[in-house]
Amino acid sequence: MIGMAGRMAQDFTGKRILVTGASRGLGHVAALAFARAGARVLVAGRTREPLETLRASMPDPDRHEIYVGDLIEPGRTDELASLARQTLSGIDVVLHALGGGYGFRDPLLSRQQFVTLHEVNLGIGAELNRLLVPDMIAAGSGHIVHVGSIASGEAVGSVGYNTVKAALAAYVRSLGRELAGKGVVVTAVLPGAFFGPENAFRRLETRSPEVVRDFVDRRLPRGKVGEADEIVPLIMLLAGPAASMMAGSCVPIDAGEGFAYPQL
């Protein structure tokens, strides 16, 4: 399916793009699509092997960079921002694809579990924005795209996951308004369930295929789970000049899974 995203891609020739959470899932697929669309890409993740494999699959692999490290650790975001400046001489687009629920299903989460979820889904991205957005403002342009979830607007996930994704949506809406007049467009894509390389829903299918079949029957009108490749064209729209009027927008893409109406 990755080929479809590549064919639908906009032209990102000369753009410098940072993708977090690129070891697997949506970040992995989007990073490859950006590279195929002409961008120089810096991919970040915790595991070296999938990042090396990803870079090797990109056109002209030596143009692209990798960063291996757990961004929740102190000092890691500073390292990543410094690497972006040193190797790419700055960043034009950031795709924050890092996130997840960490398997915290207990509705009565501990404080530390909430802290972990906040850091992974919002805090790390907010800190990278703090480090990189001033350069975008100085340049007069930039795009920040966060990967949220339809869980930000309806209780489809765990208590912890729903809560931090709602916080992320509030952050995107608020920061988008603040930066709209400074040339930096901040948006979010809100996927429903989808399959991506080794992502949570793919792992669920492997572990409990009957659960996935039941979910499809109950929640997905078109009768199948979406693919990460189907989300990439929307990400590329948000990362490009056509998104100039979308500052602060959080855009659902869920194949009809959600029940909530958008806020009016």
Foldseek 3Di string as FASTA:
>chain_A
DLVVLLVLFAAPAPAEEEFEPCLKDLSVSLQQSNLSSHYAYEYEDADDVSVVVSLVPGPPSVSHHYYHDDLVDPPPLVVVLVCCCVRVVAHAEYEYPFADQVPPAPLPDDPVSLVVRLCRQPVSLVVNCVSHVVVQLVVQAHEYEYEAACLLPPPPGHNSNSVNSVVVLVVQLVVLVVCLVRHYAGEYEHEYFADMGPDPVVVCCVVPVVVVQVLLVPFAPVRDHHYSSVCSSVVSCRGDPVCSVVRSYYHYDYNRRDDDDDDD
